[in-house]
PDB file of N, CA and C in Angstrom:
ATOM      1  N   MET A   1     -32.371 -30.305 -17.037  1.00  0.00           N
ATOM      2  CA  MET A   1     -31.921 -31.141 -17.835  1.00  0.00           C
ATOM      3  C   MET A   1     -31.294 -32.495 -17.141  1.00  0.00           C
ATOM      4  N   PRO A   2     -31.611 -33.368 -17.090  1.00  0.00           N
ATOM      5  CA  PRO A   2     -30.884 -34.484 -15.978  1.00  0.00           C
ATOM      6  C   PRO A   2     -29.686 -34.885 -16.584  1.00  0.00           C
ATOM      7  N   TRP A   3     -28.981 -35.578 -15.756  1.00  0.00           N
ATOM      8  CA  TRP A   3     -27.672 -35.547 -15.908  1.00  0.00           C
ATOM      9  C   TRP A   3     -27.806 -37.218 -16.854  1.00  0.00           C
ATOM     10  N   ARG A   4     -26.987 -37.131 -17.985  1.00  0.00           N
ATOM     11  CA  ARG A   4     -27.164 -38.464 -18.749  1.00  0.00           C
ATOM     12  C   ARG A   4     -25.597 -39.009 -18.853  1.00  0.00           C
ATOM     13  N   ARG A   5     -25.665 -40.593 -18.878  1.00  0.00           N
ATOM     14  CA  ARG A   5     -24.349 -41.128 -18.942  1.00  0.00           C
ATOM     15  C   ARG A   5     -24.193 -41.354 -20.366  1.00  0.00           C
ATOM     16  N   SER A   6     -23.209 -41.297 -21.119  1.00  0.00           N
ATOM     17  CA  SER A   6     -22.639 -41.416 -22.561  1.00  0.00           C
ATOM     18  C   SER A   6     -22.772 -42.906 -22.844  1.00  0.00           C
ATOM     19  N   SER A   7     -23.330 -43.392 -23.692  1.00  0.00           N
ATOM     20  CA  SER A   7     -23.300 -44.786 -24.143  1.00  0.00           C
ATOM     21  C   SER A   7     -21.602 -45.376 -24.403  1.00  0.00           C
ATOM     22  N   PRO A   8     -21.695 -46.532 -24.121  1.00  0.00           N
ATOM     23  CA  PRO A   8     -20.185 -47.201 -24.268  1.00  0.00           C
ATOM     24  C   PRO A   8     -19.932 -47.261 -25.700  1.00  0.00           C
ATOM     25  N   ALA A   9     -20.412 -46.992 -26.696  1.00  0.00           N
ATOM     26  CA  ALA A   9     -20.282 -47.021 -28.312  1.00  0.00           C
ATOM     27  C   ALA A   9     -19.826 -45.781 -28.305  1.00  0.00           C
ATOM     28  N   ARG A  10     -20.825 -44.674 -27.920  1.00  0.00           N
ATOM     29  CA  ARG A  10     -19.853 -43.339 -28.078  1.00  0.00           C
ATOM     30  C   ARG A  10     -18.294 -43.282 -27.394  1.00  0.00           C
ATOM     31  N   HIS A  11     -18.448 -43.758 -26.294  1.00  0.00           N
ATOM     32  CA  HIS A  11     -17.028 -43.829 -25.506  1.00  0.00           C
ATOM     33  C   HIS A  11     -15.889 -44.522 -26.360  1.00  0.00           C
ATOM     34  N   ARG A  12     -16.481 -45.449 -27.059  1.00  0.00           N
ATOM     35  CA  ARG A  12     -15.324 -46.353 -27.956  1.00  0.00           C
ATOM     36  C   ARG A  12     -14.887 -45.522 -29.076  1.00  0.00           C
ATOM     37  N   LYS A  13     -15.651 -44.903 -29.639  1.00  0.00           N
ATOM     38  CA  LYS A  13     -15.666 -44.014 -30.684  1.00  0.00           C
ATOM     39  C   LYS A  13     -14.481 -42.937 -30.262  1.00  0.00           C
ATOM     40  N   HIS A  14     -14.810 -42.149 -29.400  1.00  0.00           N
ATOM     41  CA  HIS A  14     -14.063 -41.034 -29.155  1.00  0.00           C
ATOM     42  C   HIS A  14     -12.902 -41.616 -28.355  1.00  0.00           C
ATOM     43  N   GLU A  15     -12.547 -43.163 -28.023  1.00  0.00           N
ATOM     44  CA  GLU A  15     -11.157 -43.304 -27.546  1.00  0.00           C
ATOM     45  C   GLU A  15     -10.436 -43.735 -28.758  1.00  0.00           C
ATOM     46  N   GLY A  16     -11.148 -44.265 -29.593  1.00  0.00           N
ATOM     47  CA  GLY A  16     -10.247 -44.634 -30.972  1.00  0.00           C
ATOM     48  C   GLY A  16      -9.759 -43.264 -31.378  1.00  0.00           C
ATOM     49  N   GLN A  17     -10.738 -42.057 -31.611  1.00  0.00           N
ATOM     50  CA  GLN A  17     -10.370 -41.038 -31.949  1.00  0.00           C
ATOM     51  C   GLN A  17      -8.899 -40.571 -31.470  1.00  0.00           C
ATOM     52  N   ALA A  18      -9.217 -40.444 -30.023  1.00  0.00           N
ATOM     53  CA  ALA A  18      -8.333 -39.928 -29.028  1.00  0.00           C
ATOM     54  C   ALA A  18      -6.675 -40.595 -29.575  1.00  0.00           C
ATOM     55  N   ARG A  19      -6.980 -42.030 -29.508  1.00  0.00           N
ATOM     56  CA  ARG A  19      -5.704 -42.651 -29.697  1.00  0.00           C
ATOM     57  C   ARG A  19      -5.055 -42.353 -31.033  1.00  0.00           C
ATOM     58  N   ALA A  20      -5.751 -42.163 -32.263  1.00  0.00           N
ATOM     59  CA  ALA A  20      -5.188 -41.911 -33.385  1.00  0.00           C
ATOM     60  C   ALA A  20      -4.911 -40.548 -33.473  1.00  0.00           C
ATOM     61  N   VAL A  21      -5.337 -39.545 -33.013  1.00  0.00           N
ATOM     62  CA  VAL A  21      -4.635 -38.449 -32.524  1.00  0.00           C
ATOM     63  C   VAL A  21      -3.264 -38.241 -31.793  1.00  0.00           C
ATOM     64  N   ALA A  22      -3.591 -38.518 -30.826  1.00  0.00           N
ATOM     65  CA  ALA A  22      -2.086 -38.652 -30.067  1.00  0.00           C
ATOM     66  C   ALA A  22      -1.150 -39.666 -30.603  1.00  0.00           C
ATOM     67  N   ASP A  23      -1.604 -40.536 -31.320  1.00  0.00           N
ATOM     68  CA  ASP A  23      -0.476 -41.678 -31.940  1.00  0.00           C
ATOM     69  C   ASP A  23       0.140 -40.937 -33.190  1.00  0.00           C
ATOM     70  N   ARG A  24      -0.683 -39.969 -33.951  1.00  0.00           N
ATOM     71  CA  ARG A  24      -0.419 -39.343 -35.034  1.00  0.00           C
ATOM     72  C   ARG A  24       0.826 -38.042 -34.684  1.00  0.00           C
ATOM     73  N   ARG A  25       0.359 -37.528 -33.358  1.00  0.00           N
ATOM     74  CA  ARG A  25       1.182 -36.255 -32.743  1.00  0.00           C
ATOM     75  C   ARG A  25       2.673 -37.085 -32.107  1.00  0.00           C
ATOM     76  N   ALA A  26       2.050 -38.045 -31.595  1.00  0.00           N
ATOM     77  CA  ALA A  26       3.497 -38.663 -31.134  1.00  0.00           C
ATOM     78  C   ALA A  26       4.239 -39.253 -32.278  1.00  0.00           C
ATOM     79  N   ARG A  27       3.767 -39.588 -33.096  1.00  0.00           N
ATOM     80  CA  ARG A  27       4.674 -40.110 -34.495  1.00  0.00           C
ATOM     81  C   ARG A  27       5.425 -39.102 -35.317  1.00  0.00           C
ATOM     82  N   SER A  28       5.411 -37.791 -34.746  1.00  0.00           N
ATOM     83  CA  SER A  28       5.695 -36.797 -35.828  1.00  0.00           C
ATOM     84  C   SER A  28       7.089 -36.859 -35.609  1.00  0.00           C
ATOM     85  N   GLY A  29       7.702 -37.496 -34.867  1.00  0.00           N
ATOM     86  CA  GLY A  29       9.012 -37.674 -34.831  1.00  0.00           C
ATOM     87  C   GLY A  29       9.937 -37.284 -33.759  1.00  0.00           C
ATOM     88  N   ARG A  30       8.798 -36.963 -32.814  1.00  0.00           N
ATOM     89  CA  ARG A  30       9.233 -36.439 -31.483  1.00  0.00           C
ATOM     90  C   ARG A  30       9.587 -37.407 -30.338  1.00  0.00           C
ATOM     91  N   PHE A  31       8.214 -38.306 -30.261  1.00  0.00           N
ATOM     92  CA  PHE A  31       8.250 -38.955 -29.146  1.00  0.00           C
ATOM     93  C   PHE A  31       7.659 -40.617 -29.763  1.00  0.00           C
ATOM     94  N   ASP A  32       8.147 -41.640 -28.713  1.00  0.00           N
ATOM     95  CA  ASP A  32       7.600 -43.025 -29.395  1.00  0.00           C
ATOM     96  C   ASP A  32       6.181 -43.049 -28.757  1.00  0.00           C
ATOM     97  N   PRO A  33       5.208 -43.368 -29.501  1.00  0.00           N
ATOM     98  CA  PRO A  33       3.817 -43.224 -28.972  1.00  0.00           C
ATOM     99  C   PRO A  33       3.771 -44.275 -27.684  1.00  0.00           C
ATOM    100  N   ALA A  34       4.520 -45.251 -27.138  1.00  0.00           N
ATOM    101  CA  ALA A  34       4.496 -46.193 -26.394  1.00  0.00           C
ATOM    102  C   ALA A  34       4.783 -45.651 -25.083  1.00  0.00           C
ATOM    103  N   ASP A  35       6.165 -44.660 -25.345  1.00  0.00           N
ATOM    104  CA  ASP A  35       6.353 -43.717 -24.277  1.00  0.00           C
ATOM    105  C   ASP A  35       5.686 -42.385 -23.951  1.00  0.00           C
ATOM    106  N   VAL A  36       4.398 -42.164 -24.378  1.00  0.00           N
ATOM    107  CA  VAL A  36       3.703 -40.952 -24.563  1.00  0.00           C
ATOM    108  C   VAL A  36       2.641 -41.300 -22.905  1.00  0.00           C
ATOM    109  N   SER A  37       3.027 -40.230 -22.156  1.00  0.00           N
ATOM    110  CA  SER A  37       2.004 -40.180 -20.976  1.00  0.00           C
ATOM    111  C   SER A  37       0.335 -40.497 -21.062  1.00  0.00           C
ATOM    112  N   PRO A  38       0.258 -41.682 -20.448  1.00  0.00           N
ATOM    113  CA  PRO A  38      -1.325 -41.930 -20.401  1.00  0.00           C
ATOM    114  C   PRO A  38      -2.132 -40.869 -20.183  1.00  0.00           C
ATOM    115  N   ALA A  39      -1.703 -39.894 -19.323  1.00  0.00           N
ATOM    116  CA  ALA A  39      -2.499 -38.311 -19.238  1.00  0.00           C
ATOM    117  C   ALA A  39      -2.796 -37.786 -20.365  1.00  0.00           C
ATOM    118  N   TYR A  40      -1.904 -37.756 -21.164  1.00  0.00           N
ATOM    119  CA  TYR A  40      -1.835 -37.121 -22.437  1.00  0.00           C
ATOM    120  C   TYR A  40      -3.176 -37.795 -23.302  1.00  0.00           C
ATOM    121  N   TYR A  41      -3.261 -39.080 -23.340  1.00  0.00           N
ATOM    122  CA  TYR A  41      -3.921 -39.718 -24.058  1.00  0.00           C
ATOM    123  C   TYR A  41      -5.495 -39.528 -23.514  1.00  0.00           C
ATOM    124  N   ARG A  42      -5.655 -39.358 -22.345  1.00  0.00           N
ATOM    125  CA  ARG A  42      -7.075 -39.072 -21.634  1.00  0.00           C
ATOM    126  C   ARG A  42      -7.085 -37.564 -21.807  1.00  0.00           C
ATOM    127  N   HIS A  43      -6.350 -36.769 -22.035  1.00  0.00           N
ATOM    128  CA  HIS A  43      -6.434 -35.576 -22.376  1.00  0.00           C
ATOM    129  C   HIS A  43      -7.038 -35.389 -23.785  1.00  0.00           C
ATOM    130  N   VAL A  44      -6.377 -35.949 -24.789  1.00  0.00           N
ATOM    131  CA  VAL A  44      -7.027 -35.969 -26.030  1.00  0.00           C
ATOM    132  C   VAL A  44      -8.395 -36.367 -25.876  1.00  0.00           C
ATOM    133  N   HIS A  45      -8.431 -37.640 -25.367  1.00  0.00           N
ATOM    134  CA  HIS A  45      -9.887 -38.169 -25.385  1.00  0.00           C
ATOM    135  C   HIS A  45     -10.844 -37.329 -24.751  1.00  0.00           C
ATOM    136  N   ASN A  46     -11.083 -36.647 -23.872  1.00  0.00           N
ATOM    137  CA  ASN A  46     -11.433 -35.692 -23.175  1.00  0.00           C
ATOM    138  C   ASN A  46     -11.713 -34.525 -24.140  1.00  0.00           C
ATOM    139  N   ARG A  47     -10.752 -33.850 -24.804  1.00  0.00           N
ATOM    140  CA  ARG A  47     -10.974 -32.778 -25.727  1.00  0.00           C
ATOM    141  C   ARG A  47     -11.721 -33.052 -26.896  1.00  0.00           C
ATOM    142  N   ILE A  48     -11.548 -34.355 -27.277  1.00  0.00           N
ATOM    143  CA  ILE A  48     -12.560 -35.140 -28.642  1.00  0.00           C
ATOM    144  C   ILE A  48     -13.679 -35.010 -28.351  1.00  0.00           C
ATOM    145  N   ALA A  49     -14.191 -35.513 -26.854  1.00  0.00           N
ATOM    146  CA  ALA A  49     -15.251 -35.721 -26.569  1.00  0.00           C
ATOM    147  C   ALA A  49     -16.088 -34.454 -26.513  1.00  0.00           C
ATOM    148  N   ALA A  50     -15.586 -33.469 -25.898  1.00  0.00           N
ATOM    149  CA  ALA A  50     -15.759 -31.975 -25.740  1.00  0.00           C
ATOM    150  C   ALA A  50     -16.122 -31.030 -26.921  1.00  0.00           C
ATOM    151  N   GLY A  51     -15.515 -31.360 -27.805  1.00  0.00           N
ATOM    152  CA  GLY A  51     -15.319 -30.819 -29.089  1.00  0.00           C
ATOM    153  C   GLY A  51     -14.622 -29.693 -29.404  1.00  0.00           C
ATOM    154  N   GLN A  52     -13.435 -29.878 -28.280  1.00  0.00           N
ATOM    155  CA  GLN A  52     -12.526 -28.698 -28.372  1.00  0.00           C
ATOM    156  C   GLN A  52     -11.289 -29.354 -28.937  1.00  0.00           C
ATOM    157  N   PRO A  53     -10.250 -28.065 -29.267  1.00  0.00           N
ATOM    158  CA  PRO A  53      -9.130 -28.515 -30.065  1.00  0.00           C
ATOM    159  C   PRO A  53      -8.036 -29.348 -28.878  1.00  0.00           C
ATOM    160  N   VAL A  54      -7.295 -30.058 -29.399  1.00  0.00           N
ATOM    161  CA  VAL A  54      -6.061 -30.976 -28.525  1.00  0.00           C
ATOM    162  C   VAL A  54      -4.982 -30.131 -28.435  1.00  0.00           C
ATOM    163  N   ARG A  55      -4.405 -29.885 -27.196  1.00  0.00           N
ATOM    164  CA  ARG A  55      -3.141 -29.414 -26.908  1.00  0.00           C
ATOM    165  C   ARG A  55      -2.088 -30.302 -27.311  1.00  0.00           C
ATOM    166  N   ALA A  56      -1.045 -29.801 -27.838  1.00  0.00           N
ATOM    167  CA  ALA A  56       0.045 -30.664 -28.185  1.00  0.00           C
ATOM    168  C   ALA A  56       0.859 -31.047 -26.927  1.00  0.00           C
ATOM    169  N   TYR A  57       1.475 -32.186 -27.092  1.00  0.00           N
ATOM    170  CA  TYR A  57       2.369 -32.917 -26.087  1.00  0.00           C
ATOM    171  C   TYR A  57       3.530 -32.379 -26.269  1.00  0.00           C
ATOM    172  N   SER A  58       4.062 -31.867 -25.213  1.00  0.00           N
ATOM    173  CA  SER A  58       5.480 -30.894 -25.237  1.00  0.00           C
ATOM    174  C   SER A  58       6.619 -31.664 -24.394  1.00  0.00           C
ATOM    175  N   ARG A  59       7.604 -31.346 -25.023  1.00  0.00           N
ATOM    176  CA  ARG A  59       8.945 -32.157 -24.310  1.00  0.00           C
ATOM    177  C   ARG A  59       9.172 -31.856 -22.768  1.00  0.00           C
ATOM    178  N   ASP A  60       8.437 -30.961 -22.265  1.00  0.00           N
ATOM    179  CA  ASP A  60       8.562 -30.426 -20.714  1.00  0.00           C
ATOM    180  C   ASP A  60       7.448 -31.902 -20.023  1.00  0.00           C
ATOM    181  N   GLN A  61       6.423 -31.963 -20.622  1.00  0.00           N
ATOM    182  CA  GLN A  61       5.194 -32.927 -20.158  1.00  0.00           C
ATOM    183  C   GLN A  61       5.932 -34.469 -20.326  1.00  0.00           C
ATOM    184  N   HIS A  62       6.606 -34.703 -21.463  1.00  0.00           N
ATOM    185  CA  HIS A  62       7.362 -36.009 -21.707  1.00  0.00           C
ATOM    186  C   HIS A  62       8.428 -36.237 -20.665  1.00  0.00           C
ATOM    187  N   THR A  63       9.395 -35.179 -20.454  1.00  0.00           N
ATOM    188  CA  THR A  63      10.335 -35.215 -19.404  1.00  0.00           C
ATOM    189  C   THR A  63       9.697 -35.552 -17.959  1.00  0.00           C
ATOM    190  N   ALA A  64       8.843 -34.955 -17.649  1.00  0.00           N
ATOM    191  CA  ALA A  64       8.094 -34.909 -16.420  1.00  0.00           C
ATOM    192  C   ALA A  64       7.431 -36.552 -16.268  1.00  0.00           C
ATOM    193  N   TYR A  65       6.969 -36.991 -17.235  1.00  0.00           N
ATOM    194  CA  TYR A  65       6.617 -38.168 -17.340  1.00  0.00           C
ATOM    195  C   TYR A  65       7.614 -39.226 -17.202  1.00  0.00           C
ATOM    196  N   LEU A  66       8.622 -39.180 -17.697  1.00  0.00           N
ATOM    197  CA  LEU A  66       9.432 -40.330 -17.792  1.00  0.00           C
ATOM    198  C   LEU A  66      10.501 -40.283 -16.292  1.00  0.00           C
ATOM    199  N   ALA A  67      10.458 -38.847 -15.703  1.00  0.00           N
ATOM    200  CA  ALA A  67      11.091 -38.867 -14.242  1.00  0.00           C
ATOM    201  C   ALA A  67       9.944 -39.518 -13.558  1.00  0.00           C
ATOM    202  N   SER A  68       8.760 -39.294 -13.635  1.00  0.00           N
ATOM    203  CA  SER A  68       7.904 -40.079 -12.611  1.00  0.00           C
ATOM    204  C   SER A  68       7.819 -41.538 -12.737  1.00  0.00           C
ATOM    205  N   ARG A  69       8.206 -42.013 -13.917  1.00  0.00           N
ATOM    206  CA  ARG A  69       8.346 -43.449 -14.107  1.00  0.00           C
ATOM    207  C   ARG A  69       9.388 -43.839 -13.331  1.00  0.00           C
ATOM    208  N   LYS A  70      10.660 -43.146 -13.359  1.00  0.00           N
ATOM    209  CA  LYS A  70      11.550 -43.474 -12.823  1.00  0.00           C
ATOM    210  C   LYS A  70      11.724 -43.474 -11.279  1.00  0.00           C
ATOM    211  N   VAL A  71      10.850 -42.571 -10.854  1.00  0.00           N
ATOM    212  CA  VAL A  71      10.675 -42.345  -9.414  1.00  0.00           C
ATOM    213  C   VAL A  71       9.764 -43.653  -8.612  1.00  0.00           C
ATOM    214  N   SER A  72       8.639 -43.917  -9.534  1.00  0.00           N
ATOM    215  CA  SER A  72       7.960 -44.941  -9.005  1.00  0.00           C
ATOM    216  C   SER A  72       8.143 -46.083  -9.324  1.00  0.00           C
ATOM    217  N   ALA A  73       9.521 -46.346 -10.164  1.00  0.00           N
ATOM    218  CA  ALA A  73       9.674 -48.076 -10.268  1.00  0.00           C
ATOM    219  C   ALA A  73      10.839 -48.491  -9.120  1.00  0.00           C
TER     220      ALA A  73
END
């Protein structure tokens, strides 16, 4: 089966789903969605696109992301 690129419409659909899932998890009271790592949003998108369960965003991931922002600033 030859490799096939997904359509832009499908990508937008998954992107919207990913944002909704990540925002809902972030709004659970633990994290501000604006402060959630972009890598987590990519993770959510990729897992939804692959039909896999999404892993939770942990306090350790958040702490590491905030520390990396301080270092690169």
